[in-house]
Protein backbone atom coordinates (compact mmCIF):
# COMPACT_ATOMS: atom_id res chain seq x y z
CA MET A 1 -46.74 0.15 47.47
CA ARG A 2 -47.45 2.17 44.35
CA SER A 3 -49.71 0.58 41.77
CA LEU A 4 -48.78 0.55 38.13
CA THR A 5 -51.58 1.96 36.00
CA THR A 6 -50.94 1.98 32.26
CA THR A 7 -52.97 2.89 29.25
CA ILE A 8 -51.56 0.78 26.44
CA CYS A 9 -51.93 2.50 23.09
CA LEU A 10 -49.98 0.17 20.78
CA LEU A 11 -48.55 -3.34 21.12
CA LEU A 12 -46.49 -4.99 18.41
CA LEU A 13 -45.44 -8.64 18.75
CA LEU A 14 -42.83 -9.28 16.09
CA PRO A 15 -41.53 -12.79 15.24
CA ILE A 16 -37.85 -13.72 15.18
CA PHE A 17 -36.52 -10.18 15.67
CA GLY A 18 -38.39 -8.88 12.63
CA VAL A 19 -39.23 -5.18 12.87
CA SER A 20 -41.69 -3.46 10.55
CA ALA A 21 -43.75 -0.30 10.62
CA PRO A 22 -47.29 -0.78 11.92
CA SER A 23 -49.95 -0.56 9.23
CA GLY A 24 -52.94 1.74 9.40
CA VAL A 25 -51.30 4.13 11.88
CA GLN A 26 -52.10 7.73 11.07
CA ALA A 27 -49.31 10.26 10.90
CA GLN A 28 -48.63 12.07 14.14
CA GLN A 29 -49.42 15.77 14.33
CA GLU A 30 -46.45 17.99 13.58
CA SER A 31 -44.03 18.42 16.45
CA VAL A 32 -40.64 20.04 17.09
CA PHE A 33 -38.17 18.82 19.69
CA PHE A 34 -36.04 21.51 21.37
CA PRO A 35 -32.73 19.98 22.52
CA GLU A 36 -31.98 23.16 24.48
CA THR A 37 -34.56 22.17 27.09
CA GLY A 38 -35.38 18.58 26.14
CA HIS A 39 -39.07 19.25 25.44
CA THR A 40 -41.37 19.01 22.44
CA VAL A 41 -44.01 21.43 21.14
CA ARG A 42 -46.68 19.95 18.91
CA GLY A 43 -49.96 20.54 17.16
CA ARG A 44 -51.94 23.68 17.93
CA PHE A 45 -49.43 24.94 20.50
CA LEU A 46 -46.61 24.73 17.93
CA GLN A 47 -48.70 26.59 15.38
CA PHE A 48 -49.56 29.29 17.94
CA TRP A 49 -45.91 29.58 19.04
CA ARG A 50 -44.77 30.11 15.46
CA GLN A 51 -47.53 32.55 14.51
CA HIS A 52 -47.19 34.90 17.47
CA GLY A 53 -43.52 35.54 18.10
CA GLY A 54 -41.82 32.20 18.68
CA LEU A 55 -38.57 32.21 20.60
CA ALA A 56 -38.30 35.99 21.03
CA VAL A 57 -41.71 36.31 22.69
CA PHE A 58 -42.32 32.96 24.40
CA GLY A 59 -38.89 31.36 24.74
CA TYR A 60 -38.16 27.63 24.80
CA PRO A 61 -40.63 25.05 26.13
CA LEU A 62 -39.99 24.07 29.75
CA THR A 63 -42.50 21.20 30.01
CA GLU A 64 -44.41 18.83 27.82
CA GLU A 65 -48.16 19.35 27.54
CA LEU A 66 -49.77 18.76 30.92
CA GLN A 67 -53.16 18.96 32.59
CA GLU A 68 -53.88 21.92 34.85
CA GLN A 69 -57.34 22.62 36.27
CA GLY A 70 -58.92 20.36 33.67
CA ARG A 71 -57.20 21.98 30.69
CA THR A 72 -54.23 21.13 28.50
CA ALA A 73 -51.38 23.55 29.14
CA GLN A 74 -47.68 23.90 28.39
CA TYR A 75 -45.07 26.11 30.02
CA PHE A 76 -42.53 28.19 28.11
CA GLU A 77 -39.79 30.43 29.46
CA ARG A 78 -42.02 33.50 29.32
CA GLN A 79 -45.57 32.17 29.18
CA ARG A 80 -48.04 29.35 29.69
CA PHE A 81 -50.24 28.23 26.80
CA GLU A 82 -53.75 27.07 27.70
CA LEU A 83 -55.92 25.15 25.25
CA HIS A 84 -59.61 26.08 24.99
CA PRO A 85 -60.96 23.77 22.24
CA GLU A 86 -64.48 25.09 22.81
CA ASN A 87 -63.37 28.38 21.21
CA ARG A 88 -62.67 28.96 17.54
CA ALA A 89 -59.14 29.87 16.43
CA PRO A 90 -57.32 32.05 17.21
CA TYR A 91 -59.09 32.19 20.58
CA ASP A 92 -58.67 28.47 21.24
CA VAL A 93 -55.24 29.16 22.78
CA GLU A 94 -55.07 31.61 25.66
CA LEU A 95 -52.08 32.88 27.59
CA GLY A 96 -51.85 32.56 31.34
CA LEU A 97 -52.10 35.61 33.63
CA LEU A 98 -48.56 34.92 34.82
CA GLY A 99 -47.85 38.46 35.96
CA VAL A 100 -50.83 38.36 38.30
CA GLU A 101 -50.04 34.83 39.46
CA ILE A 102 -46.38 35.48 40.30
CA LEU A 103 -47.13 38.65 42.25
CA ALA A 104 -49.87 36.80 44.14
CA ALA A 105 -47.47 33.94 44.92
CA ARG A 106 -45.18 36.56 46.50
CA GLY A 107 -48.02 37.88 48.61
CA ILE A 108 -48.52 40.99 46.47
CA ASP A 109 -52.02 42.09 45.47
CA TRP A 110 -51.46 44.32 42.46
CA ARG A 111 -54.70 46.15 43.19
CA THR A 112 -53.15 47.58 46.36
CA GLN A 113 -50.00 48.88 44.64
CA PRO A 114 -49.40 52.57 43.89
CA THR A 115 -51.20 53.88 40.81
CA SER A 116 -50.92 56.96 38.60
CA PRO A 117 -53.22 59.91 39.36
CA GLY A 118 -53.91 60.39 35.66
CA ARG A 119 -52.58 60.59 32.15
CA VAL A 120 -48.94 61.54 31.59
CA ALA A 121 -48.00 63.38 28.42
CA GLY A 122 -46.53 61.10 25.77
CA CYS A 123 -47.71 57.95 27.55
CA ALA A 124 -50.67 55.61 27.20
CA TYR A 125 -53.01 55.71 30.21
CA PHE A 126 -55.00 52.58 31.06
CA GLU A 127 -57.95 53.77 33.08
CA VAL A 128 -59.03 50.20 33.88
CA THR A 129 -55.97 49.68 36.11
CA ARG A 130 -54.93 53.36 36.48
CA HIS A 131 -51.40 52.97 35.15
CA ASN A 132 -49.41 54.74 32.45
CA VAL A 133 -47.11 52.96 30.01
CA CYS A 134 -44.33 55.23 28.77
CA ASN A 135 -41.12 55.13 26.79
CA GLN A 136 -37.88 55.27 28.72
CA GLN A 137 -35.70 56.96 26.12
CA GLY A 138 -36.88 58.97 23.13
CA GLY A 139 -39.06 56.71 21.02
CA SER A 140 -37.84 53.55 22.69
CA GLY A 141 -39.20 51.82 25.74
CA PHE A 142 -42.21 50.06 27.20
CA LEU A 143 -44.84 51.99 25.25
CA SER A 144 -43.22 51.33 21.88
CA TYR A 145 -42.80 47.66 22.72
CA TRP A 146 -46.42 47.29 23.84
CA THR A 147 -47.82 48.95 20.72
CA THR A 148 -45.60 47.04 18.25
CA HIS A 149 -46.08 43.54 19.65
CA GLY A 150 -49.17 41.42 20.03
CA LEU A 151 -51.02 38.37 18.84
CA GLU A 152 -52.17 38.27 15.23
CA PHE A 153 -55.96 38.35 14.97
CA ASP A 154 -56.98 40.54 12.04
CA GLY A 155 -54.34 39.88 9.36
CA ARG A 156 -53.57 43.58 9.04
CA THR A 157 -50.19 45.27 9.17
CA GLY A 158 -49.20 46.46 12.62
CA LYS A 159 -50.69 45.61 15.99
CA SER A 160 -54.09 46.77 17.18
CA PHE A 161 -54.87 47.58 20.81
CA ALA A 162 -56.77 44.29 21.11
CA GLU A 163 -53.81 42.28 19.76
CA SER A 164 -51.35 43.88 22.18
CA LEU A 165 -53.79 43.44 25.04
CA ALA A 166 -54.21 39.74 24.24
CA LEU A 167 -50.45 39.18 24.47
CA PHE A 168 -49.58 41.33 27.49
CA GLY A 169 -52.78 42.27 29.27
CA TYR A 170 -53.23 45.55 31.17
CA PRO A 171 -50.39 47.13 33.17
CA ILE A 172 -50.77 46.29 36.87
CA THR A 173 -47.88 48.28 38.37
CA GLU A 174 -45.97 51.48 37.75
CA PRO A 175 -42.35 51.11 36.56
CA TYR A 176 -39.86 50.56 39.39
CA GLN A 177 -36.36 49.21 40.04
CA TYR A 178 -36.45 45.44 40.15
CA THR A 179 -33.86 42.67 40.47
CA ASN A 180 -34.76 39.90 38.05
CA SER A 181 -34.04 36.15 38.25
CA SER A 182 -30.70 36.69 36.48
CA GLY A 183 -29.57 39.08 39.23
CA ASP A 184 -29.84 42.19 37.04
CA THR A 185 -31.36 45.33 38.56
CA VAL A 186 -33.51 46.92 35.88
CA GLN A 187 -36.47 49.21 35.50
CA ALA A 188 -39.48 46.91 35.23
CA GLN A 189 -43.24 47.14 34.84
CA TRP A 190 -45.67 44.31 35.39
CA PHE A 191 -48.58 43.47 33.13
CA GLU A 192 -51.26 40.84 33.58
CA ARG A 193 -49.36 38.41 31.34
CA ALA A 194 -45.82 39.80 31.24
CA ARG A 195 -43.05 41.80 32.89
CA PHE A 196 -41.27 44.39 30.76
CA GLU A 197 -37.60 45.02 31.61
CA TRP A 198 -35.56 48.00 30.37
CA HIS A 199 -31.98 47.17 29.32
CA PRO A 200 -30.58 50.46 27.94
CA ASN A 201 -27.13 49.00 27.24
CA ASN A 202 -28.54 46.47 24.79
CA PRO A 203 -28.93 47.26 21.07
CA ARG A 204 -32.10 49.28 20.51
CA ALA A 205 -34.08 46.30 19.21
CA PHE A 206 -33.39 44.44 22.48
CA SER A 207 -33.58 47.29 24.97
CA VAL A 208 -36.93 45.93 26.18
CA LEU A 209 -36.93 42.28 27.21
CA LEU A 210 -39.69 40.15 28.64
CA GLY A 211 -39.19 38.55 32.02
CA ARG A 212 -38.97 34.74 32.21
CA LEU A 213 -42.29 34.44 34.00
CA GLY A 214 -42.97 30.88 32.89
CA ALA A 215 -39.64 29.71 34.31
CA GLU A 216 -40.17 31.67 37.53
CA LEU A 217 -43.68 30.35 38.11
CA LEU A 218 -42.73 26.80 37.23
CA GLY A 219 -39.76 26.99 39.58
CA ALA A 220 -42.00 28.19 42.40
CA ARG A 221 -44.28 25.21 41.82
CA SER A 222 -41.56 22.61 41.43
CA GLY A 223 -42.32 21.19 44.85
CA SER A 224 -46.06 20.91 44.25
CA ALA A 225 -47.76 17.63 45.09
CA ALA A 226 -49.14 17.23 41.57
CA LEU A 227 -45.76 17.62 39.89
CA GLN A 228 -44.11 15.26 42.36
CA ALA A 229 -46.85 12.70 41.78
CA GLU A 230 -46.27 12.96 38.01
CA ILE A 231 -42.52 12.45 38.45
CA ARG A 232 -43.04 9.41 40.70
CA ALA A 233 -45.49 7.85 38.24
CA VAL A 234 -43.12 8.22 35.29
CA GLU A 235 -40.22 6.85 37.36
CA THR A 236 -42.36 3.84 38.29
CA VAL A 237 -43.19 3.03 34.67
CA ILE A 238 -39.57 3.39 33.56
CA SER A 239 -38.31 1.25 36.46
CA TYR A 240 -40.91 -1.40 35.66
CA TYR A 241 -39.84 -1.86 32.04
CA ASP A 242 -36.14 -1.53 32.88
CA ALA A 243 -36.59 -4.44 35.29
CA ILE A 244 -38.33 -6.52 32.58
CA ASN A 245 -35.58 -5.81 30.03
CA GLU A 246 -32.93 -6.80 32.58
CA ARG A 247 -34.83 -10.01 33.47
CA ARG A 248 -35.38 -8.86 37.06
CA PHE A 249 -38.94 -10.15 37.05
CA ASP A 250 -39.29 -10.30 40.83
CA GLU A 251 -38.62 -6.56 41.01
CA ALA A 252 -41.01 -5.82 38.13
CA TYR A 253 -43.69 -7.94 39.77
CA ARG A 254 -43.42 -5.95 43.02
CA HIS A 255 -44.16 -2.70 41.18
CA TRP A 256 -47.77 -3.82 41.15
CA ALA A 257 -49.76 -3.08 44.30
CA ASN A 258 -50.25 -5.60 47.08
CA GLY A 259 -46.97 -7.40 46.47
CA GLY A 260 -47.78 -8.01 42.82
CA ALA A 261 -51.33 -9.27 43.33
CA ALA A 262 -52.73 -6.31 41.40
CA SER A 263 -51.31 -7.85 38.22
CA ASN A 264 -53.96 -10.59 38.62
CA GLN A 265 -51.24 -13.21 38.10
CA THR A 266 -49.06 -15.32 40.31
CA PHE A 267 -45.37 -14.51 40.08
CA ASP A 268 -44.72 -17.65 37.99
CA GLN A 269 -47.49 -16.69 35.56
CA PHE A 270 -46.14 -13.14 35.38
CA ARG A 271 -42.59 -14.31 34.64
CA GLN A 272 -43.74 -16.88 32.07
CA GLY A 273 -45.60 -14.12 30.21
CA PHE A 274 -42.22 -12.59 29.32
CA ALA A 275 -40.44 -15.87 28.52
CA ASN A 276 -40.13 -15.05 24.79
CA THR A 277 -39.67 -11.30 25.16
CA VAL A 278 -36.34 -10.03 23.86
CA ARG A 279 -36.81 -6.35 24.62
CA VAL A 280 -39.55 -3.84 25.32
CA SER A 281 -39.30 -0.22 24.18
CA VAL A 282 -41.71 2.34 25.60
CA LEU A 283 -42.91 5.74 24.36
CA LEU A 284 -44.47 7.72 27.20
CA GLY A 285 -47.41 10.05 26.71
CA GLN A 286 -48.29 13.00 28.92
CA PRO A 287 -49.18 11.86 32.46
CA ILE A 288 -52.60 12.89 33.76
CA VAL A 289 -52.67 13.63 37.49
CA HIS A 290 -56.02 12.90 39.11
CA ALA A 291 -54.75 13.06 42.70
CA ALA A 292 -51.47 12.75 44.58
CA ASN A 293 -51.88 8.95 44.57
CA SER A 294 -53.65 8.56 41.21
CA VAL A 295 -51.77 9.22 37.98
CA ASN A 296 -52.41 7.77 34.53
CA VAL A 297 -49.37 7.39 32.29
CA PRO A 298 -50.37 6.67 28.66
CA LEU A 299 -47.74 4.69 26.79
CA ALA A 300 -47.03 2.94 23.53
CA ILE A 301 -45.15 -0.36 23.63
CA LEU A 302 -42.89 -1.91 20.99
CA ALA A 303 -42.09 -5.47 22.05
CA VAL A 304 -39.61 -7.67 20.20
CA VAL A 305 -40.22 -11.37 20.86
CA ASN A 306 -38.43 -14.54 19.82
């Protein structure tokens, strides 16, 4: 039997159906809901998303904020944001090494892949990884895209090497023919944090597109124990309050471990506690997975009582 562990952030008991705004509650940090994917970006991640390319560079959010390896993170179509509050802005948000991670998940060690013997004319050679980045057609291609895109660190016009490196990382493969997740066969080159794809039939401004690495990595992890535990925990909380609102108190009681004993009430006491409750509305926070059988689900409760 799963236990119901809740962190109650707000409880309003309102007489005779009266509803009023709670006093002394500070304004929430700015957030934007994206109906395209059903997820919200807020606070520092929203600011970072806007400042460094937004939809064109990162895509839509694919998750809410979540905890990974002790840090707050959020997945987007093309990247994963990682919060490092110990660093000063703009270095308090880092991008995941998704290119490295996806290749590793496929059993590919980029360090064993073919490299370039040296610098190629008209290209940028990265001695650290021994790869060239070149343009595919005239002045258009991977090199132009790498040098004209990047994070914004110095406030100057254009992108410095450090700004481009922070967004994409070093190249870790040579260009080669690759079939992407959309089924298109394109020339592609992997970087530590990105995959460049060449689409020559697109308008020039969109001839280089970034692979949907966030979506691909998240899809590969969709069966992970942590994610499944998070889903089960949220489903438990929702089922619990649905049962209360529908007056199915015996079912709600059983959501607690040990046949309801974990509520520290008898069933009659539990049911009587909701005798005057008209309806309970719940706002869920981001679940925190401690283990496959231990998940905290923060929530705010708005209860209307008679």
